[in-house]
Amino acid sequence: MDPAHVALLMQGQWFGGLPPALREQILQHSVVRCYGQGAFLVREGDPARGMFALLQGRTRHVRWVSDSEEVLLHIGEPGVWFGEYPLLSGQCSVGSIVADTDARALFLPAAAFERIVEAEPRYLRPFAILLAERFAFLFRYLAQAHGL
């Protein structure tokens, strides 16, 4: 993997704070994928395929509220991680992640994620923390929106 991409990921609080052995496992079992503008990285309602870290480009994180209307929840910039909810919950994705520009992402397949946490169950906690941080972010966002 490109050292610049690793450096980008290391700047992030979540990835940079992981135990070195877990970081190495994630990097070792992941692949870099490219997406054209408008491509779905995650599609609402799909089962878990894996987890992503955006390396280049920008993503739009949305939820559909009708057949023709989406609600923008987040704009993803390089360094953002996503896709953990279906992996941890066993549920389908609750939103879509769309490439707003041409994008490159690190992709950890679901099977590799499962092997990592089965081999070392303590590694499940850092992934749960990522999900909890997302919950806290959305909770603050909802509270701010309610106050408007």
N, C-alpha and C. Protein backbone atom coordinates (compact mmCIF):
# COMPACT_ATOMS: atom_id res chain seq x y z
N MET A 1 0.85 -1.18 0.00
CA MET A 1 0.00 0.00 0.00
C MET A 1 0.89 1.24 0.00
N ASP A 2 0.42 2.27 -0.65
CA ASP A 2 1.14 3.54 -0.76
C ASP A 2 1.41 4.11 0.64
N PRO A 3 2.67 4.41 0.96
CA PRO A 3 2.99 4.97 2.29
C PRO A 3 2.22 6.27 2.59
N ALA A 4 1.89 7.05 1.57
CA ALA A 4 1.13 8.28 1.80
C ALA A 4 -0.28 7.95 2.30
N HIS A 5 -0.86 6.87 1.79
CA HIS A 5 -2.18 6.46 2.25
C HIS A 5 -2.13 5.97 3.70
N VAL A 6 -1.09 5.22 4.02
CA VAL A 6 -0.92 4.76 5.40
C VAL A 6 -0.76 5.97 6.32
N ALA A 7 0.04 6.95 5.91
CA ALA A 7 0.24 8.16 6.71
C ALA A 7 -1.08 8.89 6.92
N LEU A 8 -1.91 8.98 5.87
CA LEU A 8 -3.22 9.61 5.98
C LEU A 8 -4.07 8.89 7.02
N LEU A 9 -4.11 7.58 6.95
CA LEU A 9 -4.92 6.80 7.90
C LEU A 9 -4.39 6.94 9.33
N MET A 10 -3.09 7.01 9.47
CA MET A 10 -2.49 7.13 10.80
C MET A 10 -2.83 8.47 11.45
N GLN A 11 -3.14 9.48 10.66
CA GLN A 11 -3.52 10.79 11.20
C GLN A 11 -4.88 10.73 11.87
N GLY A 12 -5.71 9.78 11.48
CA GLY A 12 -7.05 9.66 12.05
C GLY A 12 -6.99 9.12 13.47
N GLN A 13 -7.83 9.64 14.32
CA GLN A 13 -7.85 9.24 15.72
C GLN A 13 -8.15 7.74 15.86
N TRP A 14 -9.10 7.22 15.08
CA TRP A 14 -9.47 5.82 15.24
C TRP A 14 -8.34 4.90 14.79
N PHE A 15 -7.93 4.99 13.54
CA PHE A 15 -6.91 4.09 13.02
C PHE A 15 -5.56 4.31 13.71
N GLY A 16 -5.20 5.56 13.90
CA GLY A 16 -3.93 5.88 14.56
C GLY A 16 -3.87 5.39 16.00
N GLY A 17 -5.04 5.24 16.64
CA GLY A 17 -5.09 4.80 18.02
C GLY A 17 -5.21 3.29 18.20
N LEU A 18 -5.29 2.56 17.10
CA LEU A 18 -5.42 1.10 17.19
C LEU A 18 -4.11 0.47 17.65
N PRO A 19 -4.21 -0.70 18.28
CA PRO A 19 -2.98 -1.44 18.58
C PRO A 19 -2.24 -1.72 17.26
N PRO A 20 -0.92 -1.58 17.25
CA PRO A 20 -0.16 -1.79 16.01
C PRO A 20 -0.46 -3.12 15.32
N ALA A 21 -0.65 -4.18 16.09
CA ALA A 21 -0.92 -5.48 15.48
C ALA A 21 -2.26 -5.48 14.74
N LEU A 22 -3.26 -4.78 15.26
CA LEU A 22 -4.56 -4.70 14.58
C LEU A 22 -4.44 -3.85 13.32
N ARG A 23 -3.73 -2.73 13.41
CA ARG A 23 -3.51 -1.90 12.20
C ARG A 23 -2.88 -2.75 11.10
N GLU A 24 -1.87 -3.53 11.46
CA GLU A 24 -1.18 -4.36 10.48
C GLU A 24 -2.13 -5.40 9.88
N GLN A 25 -2.98 -5.99 10.70
CA GLN A 25 -3.95 -6.98 10.21
C GLN A 25 -4.90 -6.33 9.20
N ILE A 26 -5.40 -5.14 9.54
CA ILE A 26 -6.33 -4.45 8.64
C ILE A 26 -5.64 -4.16 7.31
N LEU A 27 -4.45 -3.62 7.35
CA LEU A 27 -3.73 -3.29 6.12
C LEU A 27 -3.40 -4.54 5.32
N GLN A 28 -3.01 -5.59 6.00
CA GLN A 28 -2.62 -6.84 5.33
C GLN A 28 -3.80 -7.49 4.61
N HIS A 29 -4.98 -7.40 5.18
CA HIS A 29 -6.14 -8.10 4.62
C HIS A 29 -7.04 -7.21 3.75
N SER A 30 -6.64 -5.97 3.55
CA SER A 30 -7.45 -5.03 2.76
C SER A 30 -6.89 -4.88 1.36
N VAL A 31 -7.74 -4.38 0.47
CA VAL A 31 -7.34 -4.07 -0.89
C VAL A 31 -7.78 -2.65 -1.21
N VAL A 32 -7.07 -2.01 -2.13
CA VAL A 32 -7.46 -0.67 -2.58
C VAL A 32 -8.37 -0.82 -3.79
N ARG A 33 -9.50 -0.13 -3.73
CA ARG A 33 -10.46 -0.17 -4.83
C ARG A 33 -10.72 1.25 -5.32
N CYS A 34 -10.98 1.37 -6.62
CA CYS A 34 -11.28 2.66 -7.23
C CYS A 34 -12.75 2.70 -7.63
N TYR A 35 -13.36 3.87 -7.49
CA TYR A 35 -14.78 4.06 -7.80
C TYR A 35 -14.93 5.33 -8.64
N GLY A 36 -15.73 5.26 -9.68
CA GLY A 36 -16.03 6.43 -10.47
C GLY A 36 -17.09 7.28 -9.81
N GLN A 37 -17.13 8.54 -10.21
CA GLN A 37 -18.14 9.45 -9.67
C GLN A 37 -19.53 8.85 -9.86
N GLY A 38 -20.33 8.85 -8.80
CA GLY A 38 -21.69 8.32 -8.84
C GLY A 38 -21.80 6.85 -8.47
N ALA A 39 -20.68 6.17 -8.30
CA ALA A 39 -20.70 4.75 -7.95
C ALA A 39 -21.07 4.58 -6.47
N PHE A 40 -21.79 3.51 -6.19
CA PHE A 40 -22.14 3.17 -4.81
C PHE A 40 -21.02 2.35 -4.19
N LEU A 41 -20.49 2.81 -3.07
CA LEU A 41 -19.56 1.99 -2.29
C LEU A 41 -20.37 1.09 -1.36
N VAL A 42 -21.44 1.65 -0.81
CA VAL A 42 -22.38 0.92 0.04
C VAL A 42 -23.77 1.32 -0.43
N ARG A 43 -24.64 0.33 -0.56
CA ARG A 43 -26.00 0.60 -0.98
C ARG A 43 -26.96 0.27 0.17
N GLU A 44 -27.85 1.23 0.48
CA GLU A 44 -28.83 1.04 1.54
C GLU A 44 -29.58 -0.27 1.34
N GLY A 45 -29.70 -1.05 2.42
CA GLY A 45 -30.43 -2.31 2.36
C GLY A 45 -29.58 -3.52 2.03
N ASP A 46 -28.33 -3.30 1.65
CA ASP A 46 -27.44 -4.43 1.34
C ASP A 46 -26.86 -5.03 2.60
N PRO A 47 -26.58 -6.33 2.59
CA PRO A 47 -25.89 -6.94 3.73
C PRO A 47 -24.43 -6.48 3.76
N ALA A 48 -23.77 -6.78 4.85
CA ALA A 48 -22.37 -6.38 5.03
C ALA A 48 -21.50 -6.99 3.94
N ARG A 49 -20.70 -6.13 3.30
CA ARG A 49 -19.69 -6.60 2.35
C ARG A 49 -18.31 -6.38 2.90
N GLY A 50 -18.18 -5.38 3.76
CA GLY A 50 -16.88 -5.05 4.33
C GLY A 50 -16.87 -3.63 4.85
N MET A 51 -15.67 -3.20 5.19
CA MET A 51 -15.47 -1.88 5.78
C MET A 51 -14.51 -1.10 4.89
N PHE A 52 -14.70 0.21 4.85
CA PHE A 52 -13.94 1.07 3.95
C PHE A 52 -13.24 2.19 4.71
N ALA A 53 -12.13 2.65 4.14
CA ALA A 53 -11.49 3.90 4.54
C ALA A 53 -11.26 4.68 3.26
N LEU A 54 -11.79 5.89 3.19
CA LEU A 54 -11.63 6.71 2.01
C LEU A 54 -10.20 7.25 1.95
N LEU A 55 -9.52 6.98 0.84
CA LEU A 55 -8.13 7.41 0.65
C LEU A 55 -8.03 8.66 -0.21
N GLN A 56 -8.87 8.75 -1.23
CA GLN A 56 -8.89 9.91 -2.13
C GLN A 56 -10.31 10.14 -2.59
N GLY A 57 -10.63 11.40 -2.83
CA GLY A 57 -11.95 11.75 -3.34
C GLY A 57 -12.88 12.19 -2.22
N ARG A 58 -14.16 12.15 -2.54
CA ARG A 58 -15.20 12.59 -1.59
C ARG A 58 -16.41 11.69 -1.76
N THR A 59 -17.06 11.37 -0.66
CA THR A 59 -18.27 10.55 -0.70
C THR A 59 -19.45 11.30 -0.09
N ARG A 60 -20.62 10.89 -0.49
CA ARG A 60 -21.88 11.43 0.02
C ARG A 60 -22.57 10.29 0.77
N HIS A 61 -22.86 10.51 2.06
CA HIS A 61 -23.50 9.49 2.89
C HIS A 61 -24.97 9.91 3.02
N VAL A 62 -25.86 9.08 2.49
CA VAL A 62 -27.26 9.46 2.38
C VAL A 62 -28.18 8.35 2.87
N ARG A 63 -29.41 8.74 3.13
CA ARG A 63 -30.49 7.80 3.45
C ARG A 63 -31.69 8.22 2.61
N TRP A 64 -32.31 7.27 1.97
CA TRP A 64 -33.47 7.56 1.14
C TRP A 64 -34.71 7.65 2.03
N VAL A 65 -35.51 8.72 1.84
CA VAL A 65 -36.74 8.91 2.61
C VAL A 65 -37.97 8.68 1.74
N SER A 66 -37.77 8.58 0.44
CA SER A 66 -38.82 8.22 -0.50
C SER A 66 -38.12 7.68 -1.75
N ASP A 67 -38.90 7.26 -2.73
CA ASP A 67 -38.30 6.72 -3.94
C ASP A 67 -37.44 7.74 -4.68
N SER A 68 -37.72 9.02 -4.47
CA SER A 68 -37.00 10.04 -5.24
C SER A 68 -36.27 11.06 -4.39
N GLU A 69 -36.27 10.90 -3.06
CA GLU A 69 -35.65 11.91 -2.21
C GLU A 69 -34.68 11.27 -1.23
N GLU A 70 -33.46 11.81 -1.23
CA GLU A 70 -32.46 11.36 -0.27
C GLU A 70 -32.14 12.47 0.71
N VAL A 71 -31.73 12.08 1.90
CA VAL A 71 -31.31 13.04 2.92
C VAL A 71 -29.80 12.88 3.08
N LEU A 72 -29.10 13.99 2.94
CA LEU A 72 -27.65 13.99 3.11
C LEU A 72 -27.33 13.95 4.60
N LEU A 73 -26.54 12.94 5.00
CA LEU A 73 -26.15 12.80 6.40
C LEU A 73 -24.72 13.25 6.66
N HIS A 74 -23.87 13.08 5.64
CA HIS A 74 -22.46 13.37 5.86
C HIS A 74 -21.75 13.46 4.51
N ILE A 75 -20.72 14.28 4.46
CA ILE A 75 -19.80 14.32 3.32
C ILE A 75 -18.50 13.69 3.81
N GLY A 76 -18.08 12.61 3.17
CA GLY A 76 -16.87 11.92 3.57
C GLY A 76 -15.65 12.46 2.85
N GLU A 77 -14.62 12.75 3.60
CA GLU A 77 -13.35 13.23 3.08
C GLU A 77 -12.30 12.15 3.34
N PRO A 78 -11.14 12.23 2.68
CA PRO A 78 -10.11 11.21 2.91
C PRO A 78 -9.81 11.03 4.40
N GLY A 79 -9.74 9.75 4.78
CA GLY A 79 -9.49 9.38 6.17
C GLY A 79 -10.72 8.85 6.88
N VAL A 80 -11.92 9.09 6.32
CA VAL A 80 -13.14 8.63 6.98
C VAL A 80 -13.28 7.11 6.79
N TRP A 81 -13.74 6.44 7.84
CA TRP A 81 -14.02 5.00 7.81
C TRP A 81 -15.53 4.81 7.81
N PHE A 82 -16.01 3.78 7.13
CA PHE A 82 -17.44 3.49 7.12
C PHE A 82 -17.68 2.04 6.73
N GLY A 83 -18.91 1.58 6.98
CA GLY A 83 -19.29 0.21 6.66
C GLY A 83 -19.27 -0.72 7.86
N GLU A 84 -18.97 -0.17 9.04
CA GLU A 84 -18.87 -1.01 10.23
C GLU A 84 -20.22 -1.47 10.77
N TYR A 85 -21.27 -0.68 10.56
CA TYR A 85 -22.57 -1.03 11.14
C TYR A 85 -23.05 -2.42 10.72
N PRO A 86 -23.14 -2.72 9.43
CA PRO A 86 -23.61 -4.06 9.07
C PRO A 86 -22.69 -5.18 9.55
N LEU A 87 -21.38 -4.91 9.60
CA LEU A 87 -20.44 -5.92 10.08
C LEU A 87 -20.70 -6.26 11.54
N LEU A 88 -20.94 -5.24 12.35
CA LEU A 88 -21.09 -5.44 13.78
C LEU A 88 -22.50 -5.86 14.18
N SER A 89 -23.50 -5.39 13.46
CA SER A 89 -24.89 -5.66 13.85
C SER A 89 -25.48 -6.90 13.20
N GLY A 90 -24.91 -7.30 12.07
CA GLY A 90 -25.52 -8.40 11.32
C GLY A 90 -26.74 -7.95 10.53
N GLN A 91 -27.03 -6.67 10.57
CA GLN A 91 -28.18 -6.10 9.85
C GLN A 91 -27.72 -5.56 8.49
N CYS A 92 -28.67 -5.19 7.68
CA CYS A 92 -28.35 -4.58 6.39
C CYS A 92 -27.95 -3.12 6.59
N SER A 93 -27.31 -2.57 5.60
CA SER A 93 -26.88 -1.18 5.65
C SER A 93 -28.08 -0.25 5.79
N VAL A 94 -27.94 0.77 6.63
CA VAL A 94 -29.04 1.70 6.88
C VAL A 94 -28.95 2.95 6.01
N GLY A 95 -27.95 3.04 5.17
CA GLY A 95 -27.79 4.18 4.29
C GLY A 95 -26.88 3.82 3.13
N SER A 96 -26.71 4.75 2.23
CA SER A 96 -25.86 4.54 1.06
C SER A 96 -24.66 5.47 1.13
N ILE A 97 -23.55 5.00 0.59
CA ILE A 97 -22.34 5.81 0.45
C ILE A 97 -22.05 5.88 -1.04
N VAL A 98 -22.07 7.08 -1.60
CA VAL A 98 -21.92 7.30 -3.03
C VAL A 98 -20.67 8.14 -3.29
N ALA A 99 -19.90 7.77 -4.29
CA ALA A 99 -18.73 8.55 -4.66
C ALA A 99 -19.20 9.86 -5.29
N ASP A 100 -18.89 10.97 -4.63
CA ASP A 100 -19.23 12.30 -5.17
C ASP A 100 -18.25 12.71 -6.25
N THR A 101 -17.04 12.16 -6.17
CA THR A 101 -15.98 12.38 -7.15
C THR A 101 -15.38 11.00 -7.43
N ASP A 102 -14.47 10.92 -8.38
CA ASP A 102 -13.71 9.68 -8.48
C ASP A 102 -13.08 9.46 -7.12
N ALA A 103 -13.09 8.21 -6.66
CA ALA A 103 -12.63 7.93 -5.29
C ALA A 103 -11.80 6.66 -5.26
N ARG A 104 -10.94 6.62 -4.27
CA ARG A 104 -10.13 5.43 -3.98
C ARG A 104 -10.34 5.12 -2.50
N ALA A 105 -10.58 3.84 -2.21
CA ALA A 105 -10.85 3.44 -0.83
C ALA A 105 -10.11 2.15 -0.49
N LEU A 106 -9.70 2.06 0.74
CA LEU A 106 -9.19 0.81 1.29
C LEU A 106 -10.41 -0.02 1.69
N PHE A 107 -10.44 -1.27 1.29
CA PHE A 107 -11.60 -2.13 1.54
C PHE A 107 -11.17 -3.37 2.31
N LEU A 108 -11.73 -3.54 3.51
CA LEU A 108 -11.52 -4.74 4.32
C LEU A 108 -12.75 -5.63 4.14
N PRO A 109 -12.63 -6.75 3.41
CA PRO A 109 -13.79 -7.61 3.17
C PRO A 109 -14.36 -8.18 4.47
N ALA A 110 -15.65 -8.45 4.46
CA ALA A 110 -16.34 -8.98 5.64
C ALA A 110 -15.67 -10.26 6.14
N ALA A 111 -15.28 -11.14 5.24
CA ALA A 111 -14.66 -12.41 5.66
C ALA A 111 -13.34 -12.15 6.39
N ALA A 112 -12.57 -11.18 5.94
CA ALA A 112 -11.31 -10.84 6.60
C ALA A 112 -11.58 -10.23 7.97
N PHE A 113 -12.58 -9.35 8.05
CA PHE A 113 -12.99 -8.78 9.34
C PHE A 113 -13.32 -9.90 10.32
N GLU A 114 -14.12 -10.86 9.87
CA GLU A 114 -14.52 -11.98 10.74
C GLU A 114 -13.31 -12.77 11.21
N ARG A 115 -12.37 -13.04 10.31
CA ARG A 115 -11.16 -13.78 10.69
C ARG A 115 -10.35 -13.02 11.74
N ILE A 116 -10.25 -11.70 11.57
CA ILE A 116 -9.48 -10.88 12.51
C ILE A 116 -10.10 -10.96 13.91
N VAL A 117 -11.41 -10.76 14.02
CA VAL A 117 -12.03 -10.72 15.35
C VAL A 117 -12.22 -12.12 15.94
N GLU A 118 -12.31 -13.13 15.11
CA GLU A 118 -12.37 -14.49 15.65
C GLU A 118 -11.01 -14.91 16.20
N ALA A 119 -9.95 -14.52 15.52
CA ALA A 119 -8.60 -14.87 15.99
C ALA A 119 -8.24 -14.10 17.26
N GLU A 120 -8.72 -12.88 17.40
CA GLU A 120 -8.44 -12.08 18.59
C GLU A 120 -9.70 -11.31 18.97
N PRO A 121 -10.57 -11.91 19.82
CA PRO A 121 -11.84 -11.28 20.18
C PRO A 121 -11.70 -9.88 20.79
N ARG A 122 -10.57 -9.57 21.41
CA ARG A 122 -10.39 -8.22 21.97
C ARG A 122 -10.40 -7.15 20.89
N TYR A 123 -10.14 -7.53 19.64
CA TYR A 123 -10.13 -6.56 18.55
C TYR A 123 -11.54 -6.11 18.16
N LEU A 124 -12.55 -6.79 18.67
CA LEU A 124 -13.92 -6.36 18.37
C LEU A 124 -14.21 -4.99 19.00
N ARG A 125 -13.63 -4.74 20.16
CA ARG A 125 -13.89 -3.49 20.87
C ARG A 125 -13.53 -2.24 20.05
N PRO A 126 -12.35 -2.16 19.43
CA PRO A 126 -12.06 -0.94 18.65
C PRO A 126 -13.06 -0.70 17.51
N PHE A 127 -13.57 -1.77 16.90
CA PHE A 127 -14.57 -1.59 15.85
C PHE A 127 -15.89 -1.09 16.46
N ALA A 128 -16.23 -1.60 17.64
CA ALA A 128 -17.44 -1.13 18.32
C ALA A 128 -17.30 0.34 18.72
N ILE A 129 -16.10 0.74 19.10
CA ILE A 129 -15.86 2.14 19.45
C ILE A 129 -16.08 3.04 18.23
N LEU A 130 -15.66 2.59 17.06
CA LEU A 130 -15.89 3.37 15.83
C LEU A 130 -17.39 3.58 15.62
N LEU A 131 -18.17 2.52 15.80
CA LEU A 131 -19.62 2.62 15.65
C LEU A 131 -20.21 3.54 16.72
N ALA A 132 -19.73 3.45 17.95
CA ALA A 132 -20.22 4.30 19.03
C ALA A 132 -19.90 5.77 18.76
N GLU A 133 -18.72 6.04 18.19
CA GLU A 133 -18.37 7.41 17.84
C GLU A 133 -19.32 7.96 16.77
N ARG A 134 -19.69 7.11 15.82
CA ARG A 134 -20.63 7.53 14.78
C ARG A 134 -22.00 7.84 15.41
N PHE A 135 -22.42 7.00 16.34
CA PHE A 135 -23.68 7.23 17.05
C PHE A 135 -23.64 8.57 17.78
N ALA A 136 -22.54 8.84 18.49
CA ALA A 136 -22.42 10.09 19.24
C ALA A 136 -22.46 11.29 18.30
N PHE A 137 -21.78 11.19 17.15
CA PHE A 137 -21.78 12.26 16.16
C PHE A 137 -23.21 12.53 15.68
N LEU A 138 -23.92 11.48 15.32
CA LEU A 138 -25.29 11.65 14.82
C LEU A 138 -26.23 12.16 15.90
N PHE A 139 -26.01 11.74 17.14
CA PHE A 139 -26.82 12.22 18.24
C PHE A 139 -26.64 13.73 18.42
N ARG A 140 -25.37 14.20 18.36
CA ARG A 140 -25.11 15.64 18.45
C ARG A 140 -25.73 16.38 17.27
N TYR A 141 -25.61 15.81 16.07
CA TYR A 141 -26.17 16.40 14.87
C TYR A 141 -27.69 16.54 15.00
N LEU A 142 -28.33 15.50 15.46
CA LEU A 142 -29.79 15.52 15.63
C LEU A 142 -30.20 16.58 16.64
N ALA A 143 -29.46 16.69 17.74
CA ALA A 143 -29.77 17.69 18.75
C ALA A 143 -29.61 19.11 18.19
N GLN A 144 -28.55 19.32 17.42
CA GLN A 144 -28.33 20.64 16.83
C GLN A 144 -29.43 20.97 15.83
N ALA A 145 -29.80 19.99 15.01
CA ALA A 145 -30.85 20.22 14.02
C ALA A 145 -32.18 20.51 14.70
N HIS A 146 -32.44 19.85 15.80
CA HIS A 146 -33.69 20.07 16.55
C HIS A 146 -33.72 21.50 17.12
N GLY A 147 -32.55 22.01 17.49
CA GLY A 147 -32.48 23.35 18.06
C GLY A 147 -32.63 24.47 17.05
N LEU A 148 -32.60 24.14 15.76
CA LEU A 148 -32.69 25.21 14.74
C LEU A 148 -34.08 25.70 14.63
